[in-house]
Amino acid sequence: MALPCPSCGKDIGLDLTFIIKNPISKCPFCDIILNFTVDKDIKDKFYKVLEDIDSIKKKHEKTTKFK
């Protein structure tokens, strides 16, 4: 799910994967600096969840269609 800019509210298409990989960004509309820096533990947990999701998808790929 994409998030809007917390300052101006315009859709800038941020999602959690982008934020984790690029924690400091700038809104192209209002030029506010966005700092979503998190510690390594949070990043590790996020990547673990993504791995778990991929594992579940692979396990059920023959019986379920995922978007």
C-alpha atoms as a PDB file:
ATOM      1  CA  MET A   1       0.000   0.000   0.000  1.00  0.00           C
ATOM      2  CA  ALA A   2       1.481   3.321  -1.064  1.00  0.00           C
ATOM      3  CA  LEU A   3       1.572   6.165   1.430  1.00  0.00           C
ATOM      4  CA  PRO A   4       1.057   9.889   0.847  1.00  0.00           C
ATOM      5  CA  CYS A   5       3.489  12.585   1.967  1.00  0.00           C
ATOM      6  CA  PRO A   6       2.865  13.206   5.682  1.00  0.00           C
ATOM      7  CA  SER A   7       3.327  16.944   5.136  1.00  0.00           C
ATOM      8  CA  CYS A   8       1.365  17.881   2.004  1.00  0.00           C
ATOM      9  CA  GLY A   9      -0.751  14.727   1.688  1.00  0.00           C
ATOM     10  CA  LYS A  10      -0.032  14.192  -2.012  1.00  0.00           C
ATOM     11  CA  ASP A  11       0.475  10.658  -3.222  1.00  0.00           C
ATOM     12  CA  ILE A  12       4.199  10.040  -3.663  1.00  0.00           C
ATOM     13  CA  GLY A  13       3.926   6.261  -3.836  1.00  0.00           C
ATOM     14  CA  LEU A  14       5.962   5.390  -0.764  1.00  0.00           C
ATOM     15  CA  ASP A  15       5.699   1.804   0.402  1.00  0.00           C
ATOM     16  CA  LEU A  16       7.460   0.012   3.242  1.00  0.00           C
ATOM     17  CA  THR A  17      10.034  -1.646   1.002  1.00  0.00           C
ATOM     18  CA  PHE A  18      11.067   1.699  -0.503  1.00  0.00           C
ATOM     19  CA  ILE A  19      11.173   3.358   2.927  1.00  0.00           C
ATOM     20  CA  ILE A  20      13.369   0.612   4.415  1.00  0.00           C
ATOM     21  CA  LYS A  21      15.787   0.782   1.471  1.00  0.00           C
ATOM     22  CA  ASN A  22      15.732   4.614   1.257  1.00  0.00           C
ATOM     23  CA  PRO A  23      14.985   5.919   4.760  1.00  0.00           C
ATOM     24  CA  ILE A  24      15.745   9.545   3.909  1.00  0.00           C
ATOM     25  CA  SER A  25      13.793  10.969   0.973  1.00  0.00           C
ATOM     26  CA  LYS A  26      12.410  14.277  -0.249  1.00  0.00           C
ATOM     27  CA  CYS A  27       8.841  14.940  -1.317  1.00  0.00           C
ATOM     28  CA  PRO A  28       8.845  16.121  -4.956  1.00  0.00           C
ATOM     29  CA  PHE A  29       5.840  18.374  -4.279  1.00  0.00           C
ATOM     30  CA  CYS A  30       6.574  20.233  -1.031  1.00  0.00           C
ATOM     31  CA  ASP A  31      10.343  19.511  -0.742  1.00  0.00           C
ATOM     32  CA  ILE A  32      10.094  18.340   2.878  1.00  0.00           C
ATOM     33  CA  ILE A  33      12.819  15.925   3.957  1.00  0.00           C
ATOM     34  CA  LEU A  34      11.361  12.611   5.127  1.00  0.00           C
ATOM     35  CA  ASN A  35      13.474  10.684   7.620  1.00  0.00           C
ATOM     36  CA  PHE A  36      12.188   7.182   8.328  1.00  0.00           C
ATOM     37  CA  THR A  37      15.446   5.812   9.731  1.00  0.00           C
ATOM     38  CA  VAL A  38      14.944   2.693  11.875  1.00  0.00           C
ATOM     39  CA  ASP A  39      17.389   0.506  13.744  1.00  0.00           C
ATOM     40  CA  LYS A  40      18.852  -2.705  12.340  1.00  0.00           C
ATOM     41  CA  ASP A  41      16.551  -4.919  14.429  1.00  0.00           C
ATOM     42  CA  ILE A  42      13.447  -3.441  12.777  1.00  0.00           C
ATOM     43  CA  LYS A  43      14.973  -3.850   9.303  1.00  0.00           C
ATOM     44  CA  ASP A  44      15.881  -7.468  10.053  1.00  0.00           C
ATOM     45  CA  LYS A  45      12.338  -8.210  11.240  1.00  0.00           C
ATOM     46  CA  PHE A  46      10.882  -6.580   8.127  1.00  0.00           C
ATOM     47  CA  TYR A  47      13.053  -8.664   5.797  1.00  0.00           C
ATOM     48  CA  LYS A  48      12.192 -11.813   7.797  1.00  0.00           C
ATOM     49  CA  VAL A  49       8.486 -11.117   7.293  1.00  0.00           C
ATOM     50  CA  LEU A  50       9.046 -10.688   3.542  1.00  0.00           C
ATOM     51  CA  GLU A  51      10.880 -14.023   3.467  1.00  0.00           C
ATOM     52  CA  ASP A  52       8.025 -15.678   5.371  1.00  0.00           C
ATOM     53  CA  ILE A  53       5.484 -14.265   2.898  1.00  0.00           C
ATOM     54  CA  ASP A  54       7.508 -15.569  -0.061  1.00  0.00           C
ATOM     55  CA  SER A  55       7.781 -18.964   1.601  1.00  0.00           C
ATOM     56  CA  ILE A  56       4.010 -19.160   2.074  1.00  0.00           C
ATOM     57  CA  LYS A  57       3.449 -18.119  -1.544  1.00  0.00           C
ATOM     58  CA  LYS A  58       5.801 -20.834  -2.810  1.00  0.00           C
ATOM     59  CA  LYS A  59       4.169 -23.436  -0.578  1.00  0.00           C
ATOM     60  CA  HIS A  60       0.707 -22.675  -1.973  1.00  0.00           C
ATOM     61  CA  GLU A  61       1.541 -21.596  -5.536  1.00  0.00           C
ATOM     62  CA  LYS A  62      -0.160 -24.622  -7.095  1.00  0.00           C
ATOM     63  CA  THR A  63      -3.468 -24.098  -5.305  1.00  0.00           C
ATOM     64  CA  THR A  64      -3.725 -20.329  -4.858  1.00  0.00           C
ATOM     65  CA  LYS A  65      -3.178 -17.342  -7.120  1.00  0.00           C
ATOM     66  CA  PHE A  66      -1.367 -14.370  -5.526  1.00  0.00           C
ATOM     67  CA  LYS A  67      -1.227 -10.855  -6.931  1.00  0.00           C
END
